[in-house]
Protein backbone atom coordinates (compact mmCIF):
# COMPACT_ATOMS: atom_id res chain seq x y z
CA MET A 1 -42.71 17.19 20.58
CA SER A 2 -44.38 15.25 22.62
CA ALA A 3 -42.64 13.71 25.86
CA LYS A 4 -42.35 10.22 24.18
CA THR A 5 -40.98 11.21 21.45
CA ILE A 6 -37.98 13.32 23.30
CA ILE A 7 -37.27 10.19 25.51
CA ILE A 8 -36.78 8.25 22.24
CA LEU A 9 -34.82 10.81 20.39
CA GLY A 10 -32.49 10.67 24.20
CA LEU A 11 -31.95 7.05 23.67
CA LYS A 12 -31.09 6.91 20.36
CA VAL A 13 -28.45 10.04 21.27
CA ILE A 14 -27.11 7.72 24.03
CA ALA A 15 -26.86 4.40 21.95
CA LEU A 16 -25.02 6.85 18.99
CA ALA A 17 -22.80 7.88 21.64
CA ILE A 18 -22.15 4.19 22.82
CA ILE A 19 -21.72 3.28 18.99
CA LEU A 20 -19.39 6.47 18.40
CA CYS A 21 -16.91 5.35 21.14
CA LEU A 22 -16.87 1.72 20.06
CA CYS A 23 -15.93 3.13 16.57
CA PHE A 24 -12.98 4.52 18.42
CA MET A 25 -11.94 1.87 19.92
CA VAL A 26 -11.97 -0.59 16.63
CA ALA A 27 -10.33 2.19 14.27
CA SER A 28 -7.16 2.94 16.80
CA ILE A 29 -7.08 -1.25 17.05
CA VAL A 30 -7.17 -1.26 13.22
CA SER A 31 -4.90 1.70 12.73
CA GLY A 32 -2.32 0.88 15.14
CA VAL A 33 -3.01 4.09 17.37
CA SER A 34 -3.65 2.03 19.85
CA THR A 35 -0.43 1.23 20.20
CA PRO A 36 2.09 3.61 22.35
CA PRO A 37 5.50 4.85 21.82
CA ALA A 38 8.24 3.03 23.50
CA ASP A 39 8.64 6.13 25.71
CA ALA A 40 5.12 6.90 26.11
CA GLU A 41 3.59 8.22 29.28
CA PRO A 42 2.10 4.95 31.31
CA ALA A 43 -1.46 5.08 30.34
CA PRO A 44 -3.81 5.58 33.28
CA SER A 45 -4.63 2.50 35.84
CA ASP A 46 -8.18 3.51 36.11
CA VAL A 47 -10.57 2.32 33.15
CA GLY A 48 -13.49 4.84 34.18
CA ALA A 49 -11.28 7.65 34.15
CA SER A 50 -9.57 7.33 30.93
CA MET A 51 -12.80 6.20 29.53
CA PHE A 52 -14.84 9.11 30.75
CA PRO A 53 -13.31 11.71 28.19
CA LEU A 54 -14.26 9.44 25.48
CA VAL A 55 -17.95 9.34 26.33
CA VAL A 56 -18.01 13.07 27.16
CA PHE A 57 -16.50 13.43 23.54
CA SER A 58 -18.64 10.97 21.95
CA LEU A 59 -21.97 12.62 23.53
CA LEU A 60 -21.15 16.03 22.49
CA VAL A 61 -20.00 14.63 18.97
CA THR A 62 -22.83 12.55 18.87
CA ALA A 63 -25.60 15.14 20.10
CA VAL A 64 -24.43 17.83 17.53
CA PHE A 65 -24.80 15.52 14.37
CA THR A 66 -27.79 14.14 15.88
CA TYR A 67 -29.07 18.28 15.37
CA ILE A 68 -27.65 18.07 11.85
CA ILE A 69 -28.68 14.83 10.41
CA LEU A 70 -32.71 15.60 11.42
CA ARG A 71 -32.88 19.12 10.38
CA SER A 72 -31.28 17.99 6.87
CA ARG A 73 -33.25 18.10 3.79
CA TRP A 74 -31.18 14.96 2.30
CA THR A 75 -31.69 11.48 3.38
CA GLY A 76 -30.07 8.06 2.56
CA TRP A 77 -26.81 7.98 0.56
CA LYS A 78 -26.72 10.76 -0.13
CA LEU A 79 -26.62 12.21 3.40
CA VAL A 80 -24.44 9.46 4.83
CA GLY A 81 -21.75 11.21 2.38
CA ALA A 82 -22.71 14.47 3.72
CA ILE A 83 -21.86 13.28 7.29
CA PHE A 84 -18.72 11.16 6.22
CA ILE A 85 -17.25 14.23 4.77
CA ALA A 86 -17.92 16.72 7.81
CA PHE A 87 -17.03 14.24 10.63
CA PHE A 88 -13.49 12.76 8.58
CA GLY A 89 -13.16 16.10 7.44
CA LEU A 90 -13.31 18.52 10.43
CA MET A 91 -12.27 16.03 12.80
CA THR A 92 -9.15 14.61 10.76
CA VAL A 93 -7.86 16.46 7.91
CA VAL A 94 -8.09 19.91 9.60
CA THR A 95 -6.24 18.98 12.82
CA GLN A 96 -4.00 16.59 11.64
CA ILE A 97 -2.42 18.66 8.83
CA GLU A 98 -1.38 20.99 11.59
CA SER A 99 -0.11 18.45 13.59
CA VAL A 100 2.35 17.92 10.96
CA ILE A 101 3.25 21.71 11.42
CA TYR A 102 3.92 21.88 14.97
CA LEU A 103 4.48 18.24 16.40
CA THR A 104 6.34 16.67 14.17
CA HIS A 105 9.10 16.69 16.96
CA ILE A 106 7.00 15.29 18.74
CA LEU A 107 4.71 12.25 17.07
CA GLN A 108 6.24 8.74 16.26
CA PRO A 109 7.32 8.34 12.68
CA GLY A 110 3.60 7.07 10.79
CA MET A 111 1.82 8.57 13.73
CA VAL A 112 0.29 11.32 11.33
CA GLN A 113 -1.02 8.41 8.31
CA LYS A 114 -1.89 6.13 11.77
CA LEU A 115 -4.57 8.95 12.78
CA PHE A 116 -5.29 9.96 9.29
CA LEU A 117 -6.70 5.90 9.00
CA MET A 118 -8.42 5.74 12.48
CA GLY A 119 -10.56 8.65 11.42
CA ALA A 120 -11.45 7.22 8.15
CA VAL A 121 -12.39 4.31 9.78
CA VAL A 122 -14.37 6.33 12.23
CA ALA A 123 -16.08 8.24 9.76
CA VAL A 124 -17.03 5.19 7.01
CA LEU A 125 -18.47 2.97 10.49
CA TYR A 126 -20.43 5.86 11.93
CA SER A 127 -21.82 8.10 9.56
CA PRO A 128 -24.71 5.04 8.04
CA LEU A 129 -25.04 3.98 11.68
CA ALA A 130 -26.01 7.59 12.61
CA VAL A 131 -28.47 8.48 9.54
CA LEU A 132 -30.11 4.60 10.33
CA ILE A 133 -30.74 4.98 13.72
CA LEU A 134 -31.98 8.62 13.36
CA GLY A 135 -34.35 7.08 10.62
CA LYS A 136 -32.91 9.04 7.44
CA MET A 137 -31.96 6.24 5.67
CA ARG A 138 -35.05 5.65 3.51
CA GLN A 139 -35.18 7.86 0.68
CA GLU A 140 -38.12 10.54 0.19
CA LEU A 141 -39.92 10.24 -2.99
CA THR A 142 -41.29 13.36 -2.54
CA PRO A 143 -40.23 16.11 -4.52
CA GLN A 144 -37.75 18.91 -2.82
CA ALA A 145 -38.45 22.57 -3.75
CA HIS A 146 -35.62 24.26 -5.06
CA ASN A 147 -32.81 25.21 -2.71
CA PRO A 148 -31.35 28.44 -4.00
CA ARG A 149 -27.94 27.65 -1.16
CA LEU A 150 -24.81 27.97 -2.46
CA VAL A 151 -25.73 29.15 -5.46
CA MET A 152 -23.69 32.17 -6.13
CA PRO A 153 -21.65 33.93 -8.80
CA PRO A 154 -18.07 33.37 -9.12
CA VAL A 155 -17.27 37.38 -8.26
CA GLU A 156 -19.68 36.40 -5.01
CA TRP A 157 -17.72 33.30 -3.94
CA VAL A 158 -13.86 34.73 -4.51
CA TRP A 159 -14.98 38.25 -1.80
CA LYS A 160 -16.56 35.52 0.59
CA LEU A 161 -14.18 33.09 0.16
CA ALA A 162 -11.27 35.83 0.94
CA THR A 163 -13.39 37.22 4.05
CA ILE A 164 -13.86 33.87 5.33
CA ALA A 165 -9.74 33.31 5.17
CA ALA A 166 -8.46 36.42 6.21
CA ALA A 167 -11.19 36.12 9.53
CA TYR A 168 -10.12 32.79 10.47
CA VAL A 169 -6.09 33.98 10.25
CA ILE A 170 -7.12 37.01 12.87
CA LEU A 171 -9.40 34.69 14.93
CA TYR A 172 -6.83 31.77 14.92
CA TYR A 173 -3.41 33.98 16.15
CA THR A 174 -5.64 36.60 18.23
CA PHE A 175 -7.43 33.53 20.63
CA GLY A 176 -4.06 31.83 20.12
CA TYR A 177 -2.00 34.82 21.41
CA PHE A 178 -4.37 35.83 23.95
CA ILE A 179 -5.65 32.64 25.58
CA ALA A 180 -2.77 30.09 24.59
CA TRP A 181 0.55 31.85 24.36
CA LYS A 182 -0.05 33.35 27.61
CA ASN A 183 0.44 30.06 29.18
CA PRO A 184 4.01 29.28 29.97
CA ALA A 185 3.38 25.79 29.86
CA VAL A 186 2.45 26.03 25.85
CA GLN A 187 5.48 27.75 25.32
CA GLU A 188 7.67 25.54 26.58
CA TYR A 189 5.75 22.91 25.12
CA TYR A 190 6.28 24.30 21.69
CA GLY A 191 9.29 25.81 22.28
CA GLY A 192 8.83 29.89 22.03
CA THR A 193 8.39 32.25 24.32
CA ASP A 194 5.92 35.85 24.48
CA PRO A 195 7.64 38.83 23.03
CA GLY A 196 5.34 40.95 24.98
CA ASN A 197 2.62 42.08 23.14
CA PHE A 198 0.88 40.76 19.88
CA PHE A 199 2.05 42.36 17.21
CA ALA A 200 5.69 41.67 18.25
CA GLN A 201 4.52 38.02 17.89
CA MET A 202 3.07 38.55 15.01
CA SER A 203 6.13 40.19 13.31
CA GLY A 204 7.96 37.27 14.74
CA ILE A 205 5.73 34.92 13.05
CA TRP A 206 6.15 36.95 9.90
CA ALA A 207 10.03 37.13 10.18
CA SER A 208 10.75 33.40 10.67
CA THR A 209 8.07 31.49 8.94
CA PRO A 210 5.74 33.89 6.70
CA TRP A 211 4.25 30.75 5.12
CA MET A 212 2.45 30.12 8.24
CA PHE A 213 -0.31 32.49 7.44
CA PRO A 214 -1.19 31.32 4.03
CA PHE A 215 -1.31 27.77 5.28
CA GLN A 216 -4.22 29.47 8.05
CA ALA A 217 -5.89 30.65 4.93
CA PHE A 218 -5.44 27.39 3.02
CA ARG A 219 -6.90 25.60 6.36
CA ALA A 220 -10.13 27.89 6.53
CA MET A 221 -10.77 26.28 2.83
CA LEU A 222 -10.68 23.38 4.31
CA TRP A 223 -13.05 24.26 7.31
CA THR A 224 -15.42 26.01 4.67
CA ALA A 225 -15.59 22.72 1.61
CA PHE A 226 -15.93 20.12 4.69
CA THR A 227 -19.07 21.89 5.89
CA LEU A 228 -20.44 23.02 2.47
CA PRO A 229 -22.97 19.77 2.09
CA VAL A 230 -24.32 20.70 5.59
CA ILE A 231 -24.96 24.25 4.65
CA ARG A 232 -26.67 22.82 1.11
CA MET A 233 -28.79 20.24 2.92
CA HIS A 234 -29.96 22.43 6.20
CA LYS A 235 -33.80 23.22 6.45
CA GLY A 236 -32.73 26.01 8.81
CA GLY A 237 -32.95 29.80 7.83
CA GLN A 238 -29.66 31.95 8.44
CA TRP A 239 -29.33 32.37 12.17
CA GLU A 240 -29.90 28.36 12.46
CA VAL A 241 -27.59 27.83 9.73
CA GLY A 242 -24.51 29.87 11.36
CA MET A 243 -25.13 28.26 14.52
CA ALA A 244 -25.33 24.84 13.45
CA VAL A 245 -22.43 25.09 11.59
CA ALA A 246 -20.58 26.96 14.74
CA LEU A 247 -21.55 23.88 16.79
CA LEU A 248 -19.87 21.81 13.89
CA PHE A 249 -16.79 23.50 14.14
CA ALA A 250 -16.10 23.88 17.97
CA VAL A 251 -17.64 20.23 18.99
CA TRP A 252 -14.15 19.13 17.55
CA SER A 253 -12.28 21.26 20.34
CA SER A 254 -13.26 18.91 23.00
CA GLY A 255 -11.49 15.88 21.85
CA LEU A 256 -8.78 17.55 23.46
CA LEU A 257 -10.53 16.17 26.79
CA LEU A 258 -8.82 12.66 25.85
CA PRO A 259 -5.78 12.17 27.24
CA ASN A 260 -2.84 11.15 25.34
CA PRO A 261 0.86 10.65 25.39
CA TYR A 262 1.89 13.57 23.07
CA MET A 263 0.09 16.59 25.05
CA PRO A 264 -0.21 17.35 28.60
CA GLU A 265 -3.14 18.16 30.43
CA ALA A 266 -2.33 21.53 31.20
CA VAL A 267 -1.25 22.48 27.36
CA ARG A 268 -4.97 20.73 25.85
CA MET A 269 -6.92 21.89 28.29
CA THR A 270 -5.39 25.84 27.18
CA HIS A 271 -6.35 24.65 24.11
CA ILE A 272 -9.68 23.66 24.64
CA VAL A 273 -10.22 27.32 26.31
CA GLU A 274 -8.66 28.67 23.03
CA THR A 275 -10.15 26.82 20.33
CA VAL A 276 -14.06 26.14 21.46
CA PRO A 277 -14.96 29.96 21.32
CA SER A 278 -12.74 30.76 18.03
CA ASN A 279 -14.08 27.50 16.36
CA PHE A 280 -17.64 28.66 17.22
CA ILE A 281 -17.42 32.40 16.25
CA PHE A 282 -15.78 31.35 13.00
CA GLY A 283 -18.12 28.83 12.21
CA TRP A 284 -21.44 31.00 12.86
CA LEU A 285 -19.53 33.56 10.26
CA VAL A 286 -19.20 30.72 7.74
CA GLY A 287 -22.32 29.22 8.17
CA TRP A 288 -24.32 33.10 8.29
CA LEU A 289 -22.34 33.95 5.26
CA LEU A 290 -22.87 31.13 2.83
CA ASN A 291 -26.40 30.76 3.65
CA ARG A 292 -27.74 33.01 1.17
CA HIS A 293 -26.86 35.58 -2.17
CA HIS A 294 -25.06 38.82 -1.44
CA SER A 295 -24.83 40.73 -4.17
CA SER A 296 -22.22 42.78 -3.16
CA LEU A 297 -20.26 43.37 0.67
CA ARG A 298 -22.75 46.89 0.46
CA ASP A 299 -25.53 44.81 0.67
CA LEU A 300 -24.06 42.26 3.10
CA PHE A 301 -23.86 45.25 5.51
CA LYS A 302 -27.06 46.68 4.38
CA TRP A 303 -29.08 43.60 5.05
CA SER A 304 -27.17 42.90 8.72
CA GLU A 305 -28.26 46.15 9.73
CA GLY A 306 -31.81 45.16 9.26
CA LEU A 307 -31.24 42.06 11.79
């Protein structure tokens, strides 16, 4: 890649990051999210300080999607659709269904619906512009080679999805307990206490809210479903696809950098430390596992030994 190409690509990334910031501003107004609740903490008076986290978040998200778009074998509106699904699904759907569980006592009535609308507006505006600016809107006329990725028999889908669900539940609660729940500010925010060890914590969750485990397994399926088009269209090999999905899953945690009237800074920062590594590991597992056909678990482990 020449210096000129790198400079042009860098300018495109900066332009797309600015566009993403503008998309968020427009979407927050259209959805009504920008209207704070009556009892909200006053917004920062320093506009630069309040904008900086949004700029950082937009740059990180744009960098990841730039890589995914440029490494895609798809073009045109098919690619736009894949980017929209990944963007809206991972940024909004997976996140906000958890808000319904944990934050209904904090969020003002109707806020979750507004957040869904805002996410949809951002994705609708940003997805085609990203594909267009990165030069992937024009349809390729040359026939593409056969793509066997994600072509698996039903039995293989079942055991792989079961593995993904179990892995997510384990990662979610392990990182949640040893990183987030060890912070007294997080315990106070959610109204809980540390029972003293991980197994006691899991026992308490099972006794009080056993449905949380299948709920988190369901969220694992949503994470996976929204990223299937990315896995299918990616040109890279198994390790590269794993890295692409890992970055795609982890980057949304940077949204916690954005100040909001509902979550204190100490809680947001703790959740960033918790979710970035856990989502990265989970994403790499999903991308790596679904990238190729494995006839059985034995075949999977046998192949892994040769890495």
